[in-house]
Amino acid sequence: MKWVDVKKECSIDDQSKVFFINSESKDALIDQLFKMGFKVYLLDGEKIDSEVSFFSEFAATLGFPDYFGKNWDAFYDCMGDFDADGASAVAIVWDKSTSTISKNLYTFVRCLSALVELPNDYRGDPDPEGINQFEVFFIGDGDQFLDL
């Protein structure tokens, strides 16, 4: 699969590395991502209120191995080995992200900064057998979240 310009295909007028999408547009976003060939992983923000709960939710959603250590080093190690069941394009959709923000802003910011860097690991020379595109979407309510 060739790289997809998500901003163009979803009509998103934003220059950030991650996307903040209004909760009312979540289903339309996921439908568009599937149509563009993305494997979509949906995190539940209501389950995330600390770094440990982020690691637990991320590991369960992406199918990390049982020995995953629930710390940042282990997270980056597992992401380095992550193959998305052979998909070449991956979208992480953090649903109800405003729930995490209201419970623990530090956790949200720390996790956001880690997720922002992940797409950079999947850019460059195409890998015919690996992930070539990695996008991150935060779903929530408020003026900062865009409608599709």
C-alpha atoms as a PDB file:
ATOM      1  CA  MET A   1       0.000   0.000   0.000  1.00  0.00           C
ATOM      2  CA  LYS A   2       1.268   3.458  -0.825  1.00  0.00           C
ATOM      3  CA  TRP A   3       1.366   6.252   1.751  1.00  0.00           C
ATOM      4  CA  VAL A   4      -1.997   8.005   2.175  1.00  0.00           C
ATOM      5  CA  ASP A   5      -2.364  11.741   2.780  1.00  0.00           C
ATOM      6  CA  VAL A   6      -4.842  11.436   5.662  1.00  0.00           C
ATOM      7  CA  LYS A   7      -5.271  15.202   6.001  1.00  0.00           C
ATOM      8  CA  LYS A   8      -6.327  15.467   2.366  1.00  0.00           C
ATOM      9  CA  GLU A   9      -8.501  12.340   2.311  1.00  0.00           C
ATOM     10  CA  CYS A  10     -10.325  13.267   5.549  1.00  0.00           C
ATOM     11  CA  SER A  11     -10.443  17.017   4.798  1.00  0.00           C
ATOM     12  CA  ILE A  12      -8.466  17.912   7.924  1.00  0.00           C
ATOM     13  CA  ASP A  13      -7.043  21.430   7.865  1.00  0.00           C
ATOM     14  CA  ASP A  14      -4.396  21.069  10.565  1.00  0.00           C
ATOM     15  CA  GLN A  15      -0.602  20.950  10.472  1.00  0.00           C
ATOM     16  CA  SER A  16       0.034  18.891  13.618  1.00  0.00           C
ATOM     17  CA  LYS A  17       1.557  15.404  13.690  1.00  0.00           C
ATOM     18  CA  VAL A  18      -1.462  14.016  15.504  1.00  0.00           C
ATOM     19  CA  PHE A  19      -5.125  14.676  14.950  1.00  0.00           C
ATOM     20  CA  PHE A  20      -7.768  15.879  17.416  1.00  0.00           C
ATOM     21  CA  ILE A  21     -11.201  14.817  16.162  1.00  0.00           C
ATOM     22  CA  ASN A  22     -14.621  15.590  17.667  1.00  0.00           C
ATOM     23  CA  SER A  23     -16.347  12.547  19.164  1.00  0.00           C
ATOM     24  CA  GLU A  24     -19.338  13.035  16.853  1.00  0.00           C
ATOM     25  CA  SER A  25     -16.986  12.395  13.882  1.00  0.00           C
ATOM     26  CA  LYS A  26     -15.403   9.226  15.329  1.00  0.00           C
ATOM     27  CA  ASP A  27     -17.433   6.704  13.313  1.00  0.00           C
ATOM     28  CA  ALA A  28     -16.922   8.644  10.056  1.00  0.00           C
ATOM     29  CA  LEU A  29     -13.178   8.822  10.753  1.00  0.00           C
ATOM     30  CA  ILE A  30     -12.897   5.091  11.429  1.00  0.00           C
ATOM     31  CA  ASP A  31     -14.901   4.313   8.263  1.00  0.00           C
ATOM     32  CA  GLN A  32     -12.591   6.529   6.202  1.00  0.00           C
ATOM     33  CA  LEU A  33      -9.490   4.949   7.729  1.00  0.00           C
ATOM     34  CA  PHE A  34     -10.736   1.444   6.891  1.00  0.00           C
ATOM     35  CA  LYS A  35     -11.528   2.547   3.318  1.00  0.00           C
ATOM     36  CA  MET A  36      -7.989   3.927   2.992  1.00  0.00           C
ATOM     37  CA  GLY A  37      -6.573   0.558   4.054  1.00  0.00           C
ATOM     38  CA  PHE A  38      -5.594   1.323   7.659  1.00  0.00           C
ATOM     39  CA  LYS A  39      -5.618  -1.234  10.439  1.00  0.00           C
ATOM     40  CA  VAL A  40      -7.368   0.681  13.255  1.00  0.00           C
ATOM     41  CA  TYR A  41      -6.636   0.179  16.955  1.00  0.00           C
ATOM     42  CA  LEU A  42      -9.099   1.824  19.345  1.00  0.00           C
ATOM     43  CA  LEU A  43      -7.912   2.813  22.841  1.00  0.00           C
ATOM     44  CA  ASP A  44     -10.517   3.552  25.528  1.00  0.00           C
ATOM     45  CA  GLY A  45      -9.575   6.815  27.251  1.00  0.00           C
ATOM     46  CA  GLU A  46     -11.929   6.075  30.143  1.00  0.00           C
ATOM     47  CA  LYS A  47      -9.577   3.239  31.137  1.00  0.00           C
ATOM     48  CA  ILE A  48      -6.484   5.487  31.102  1.00  0.00           C
ATOM     49  CA  ASP A  49      -5.733   7.560  34.202  1.00  0.00           C
ATOM     50  CA  SER A  50      -2.036   6.798  34.752  1.00  0.00           C
ATOM     51  CA  GLU A  51       0.993   5.653  32.776  1.00  0.00           C
ATOM     52  CA  VAL A  52       0.465   2.089  34.049  1.00  0.00           C
ATOM     53  CA  SER A  53      -3.145   2.072  32.831  1.00  0.00           C
ATOM     54  CA  PHE A  54      -1.985   3.540  29.479  1.00  0.00           C
ATOM     55  CA  PHE A  55       0.492   0.675  29.122  1.00  0.00           C
ATOM     56  CA  SER A  56      -2.204  -1.855  30.060  1.00  0.00           C
ATOM     57  CA  GLU A  57      -4.740  -0.459  27.581  1.00  0.00           C
ATOM     58  CA  PHE A  58      -2.165  -0.078  24.799  1.00  0.00           C
ATOM     59  CA  ALA A  59      -0.793  -3.601  25.377  1.00  0.00           C
ATOM     60  CA  ALA A  60      -4.269  -5.163  25.398  1.00  0.00           C
ATOM     61  CA  THR A  61      -5.388  -3.240  22.305  1.00  0.00           C
ATOM     62  CA  LEU A  62      -2.275  -3.919  20.228  1.00  0.00           C
ATOM     63  CA  GLY A  63      -1.697  -7.445  21.530  1.00  0.00           C
ATOM     64  CA  PHE A  64       1.672  -6.934  23.186  1.00  0.00           C
ATOM     65  CA  PRO A  65       3.258 -10.110  24.595  1.00  0.00           C
ATOM     66  CA  ASP A  66       2.532 -11.208  28.171  1.00  0.00           C
ATOM     67  CA  TYR A  67       6.077 -10.327  29.236  1.00  0.00           C
ATOM     68  CA  PHE A  68       5.550  -6.628  28.370  1.00  0.00           C
ATOM     69  CA  GLY A  69       7.042  -4.699  31.306  1.00  0.00           C
ATOM     70  CA  LYS A  70       4.605  -1.744  31.403  1.00  0.00           C
ATOM     71  CA  ASN A  71       7.300   0.928  31.288  1.00  0.00           C
ATOM     72  CA  TRP A  72       8.583   3.254  28.567  1.00  0.00           C
ATOM     73  CA  ASP A  73      11.610   1.130  27.603  1.00  0.00           C
ATOM     74  CA  ALA A  74       9.406  -1.946  27.201  1.00  0.00           C
ATOM     75  CA  PHE A  75       6.839   0.129  25.283  1.00  0.00           C
ATOM     76  CA  TYR A  76       9.415   1.281  22.728  1.00  0.00           C
ATOM     77  CA  ASP A  77      10.832  -2.254  22.466  1.00  0.00           C
ATOM     78  CA  CYS A  78       7.389  -3.724  21.768  1.00  0.00           C
ATOM     79  CA  MET A  79       6.572  -0.981  19.271  1.00  0.00           C
ATOM     80  CA  GLY A  80       9.851  -1.732  17.506  1.00  0.00           C
ATOM     81  CA  ASP A  81       8.715  -5.353  17.116  1.00  0.00           C
ATOM     82  CA  PHE A  82       5.074  -4.502  16.375  1.00  0.00           C
ATOM     83  CA  ASP A  83       3.909  -5.820  12.993  1.00  0.00           C
ATOM     84  CA  ALA A  84       0.152  -4.985  13.036  1.00  0.00           C
ATOM     85  CA  ASP A  85      -0.673  -8.460  11.728  1.00  0.00           C
ATOM     86  CA  GLY A  86       0.952  -7.603   8.418  1.00  0.00           C
ATOM     87  CA  ALA A  87      -0.817  -4.269   7.834  1.00  0.00           C
ATOM     88  CA  SER A  88       1.260  -1.572   6.178  1.00  0.00           C
ATOM     89  CA  ALA A  89      -0.792   1.356   7.543  1.00  0.00           C
ATOM     90  CA  VAL A  90      -1.795   1.702  11.201  1.00  0.00           C
ATOM     91  CA  ALA A  91      -4.057   4.193  12.961  1.00  0.00           C
ATOM     92  CA  ILE A  92      -4.201   4.536  16.735  1.00  0.00           C
ATOM     93  CA  VAL A  93      -7.528   6.094  17.737  1.00  0.00           C
ATOM     94  CA  TRP A  94      -7.592   7.209  21.387  1.00  0.00           C
ATOM     95  CA  ASP A  95     -11.323   7.439  22.065  1.00  0.00           C
ATOM     96  CA  LYS A  96     -12.611   9.553  24.965  1.00  0.00           C
ATOM     97  CA  SER A  97      -9.224  11.234  25.330  1.00  0.00           C
ATOM     98  CA  THR A  98     -10.856  14.102  27.252  1.00  0.00           C
ATOM     99  CA  SER A  99     -11.594  11.584  30.014  1.00  0.00           C
ATOM    100  CA  THR A 100      -7.865  10.961  30.409  1.00  0.00           C
ATOM    101  CA  ILE A 101      -7.140  14.707  30.263  1.00  0.00           C
ATOM    102  CA  SER A 102      -9.590  15.407  33.082  1.00  0.00           C
ATOM    103  CA  LYS A 103      -8.274  12.545  35.240  1.00  0.00           C
ATOM    104  CA  ASN A 104      -4.534  13.041  34.795  1.00  0.00           C
ATOM    105  CA  LEU A 105      -3.206  15.762  32.499  1.00  0.00           C
ATOM    106  CA  TYR A 106       0.424  14.739  33.089  1.00  0.00           C
ATOM    107  CA  THR A 107      -0.278  11.187  31.888  1.00  0.00           C
ATOM    108  CA  PHE A 108      -2.055  12.483  28.806  1.00  0.00           C
ATOM    109  CA  VAL A 109       0.792  14.852  27.878  1.00  0.00           C
ATOM    110  CA  ARG A 110       3.479  12.217  28.532  1.00  0.00           C
ATOM    111  CA  CYS A 111       1.663   9.618  26.430  1.00  0.00           C
ATOM    112  CA  LEU A 112       0.851  12.135  23.691  1.00  0.00           C
ATOM    113  CA  SER A 113       4.530  13.091  23.407  1.00  0.00           C
ATOM    114  CA  ALA A 114       5.501   9.416  23.051  1.00  0.00           C
ATOM    115  CA  LEU A 115       2.809   8.788  20.436  1.00  0.00           C
ATOM    116  CA  VAL A 116       3.798  11.893  18.450  1.00  0.00           C
ATOM    117  CA  GLU A 117       7.259  10.415  17.956  1.00  0.00           C
ATOM    118  CA  LEU A 118       6.044   6.985  16.807  1.00  0.00           C
ATOM    119  CA  PRO A 119       5.017   8.075  13.288  1.00  0.00           C
ATOM    120  CA  ASN A 120       8.590   9.253  12.693  1.00  0.00           C
ATOM    121  CA  ASP A 121       9.786   5.669  13.186  1.00  0.00           C
ATOM    122  CA  TYR A 122       7.637   4.519  10.259  1.00  0.00           C
ATOM    123  CA  ARG A 123       8.690   7.147   7.705  1.00  0.00           C
ATOM    124  CA  GLY A 124      11.451   6.867   5.196  1.00  0.00           C
ATOM    125  CA  ASP A 125      12.176   3.960   2.896  1.00  0.00           C
ATOM    126  CA  PRO A 126       9.107   1.795   2.329  1.00  0.00           C
ATOM    127  CA  ASP A 127       9.287  -1.643   3.910  1.00  0.00           C
ATOM    128  CA  PRO A 128       7.373  -4.090   1.690  1.00  0.00           C
ATOM    129  CA  GLU A 129       6.735  -6.374   4.660  1.00  0.00           C
ATOM    130  CA  GLY A 130       6.240  -3.874   7.480  1.00  0.00           C
ATOM    131  CA  ILE A 131       4.400  -0.793   8.648  1.00  0.00           C
ATOM    132  CA  ASN A 132       4.966   2.181   6.364  1.00  0.00           C
ATOM    133  CA  GLN A 133       2.468   4.629   7.842  1.00  0.00           C
ATOM    134  CA  PHE A 134       1.462   5.241  11.441  1.00  0.00           C
ATOM    135  CA  GLU A 135      -1.123   7.877  12.378  1.00  0.00           C
ATOM    136  CA  VAL A 136      -2.506   8.915  15.778  1.00  0.00           C
ATOM    137  CA  PHE A 137      -5.989  10.351  16.410  1.00  0.00           C
ATOM    138  CA  PHE A 138      -7.390  11.704  19.681  1.00  0.00           C
ATOM    139  CA  ILE A 139     -11.170  11.665  19.957  1.00  0.00           C
ATOM    140  CA  GLY A 140     -12.849  14.050  22.374  1.00  0.00           C
ATOM    141  CA  ASP A 141     -15.165  16.956  22.957  1.00  0.00           C
ATOM    142  CA  GLY A 142     -14.399  20.657  22.959  1.00  0.00           C
ATOM    143  CA  ASP A 143     -13.401  23.447  20.604  1.00  0.00           C
ATOM    144  CA  GLN A 144      -9.926  22.020  19.978  1.00  0.00           C
ATOM    145  CA  PHE A 145     -11.389  18.824  18.455  1.00  0.00           C
ATOM    146  CA  LEU A 146     -12.179  19.093  14.731  1.00  0.00           C
ATOM    147  CA  ASP A 147     -15.305  17.956  12.898  1.00  0.00           C
ATOM    148  CA  LEU A 148     -14.898  15.893   9.739  1.00  0.00           C
END
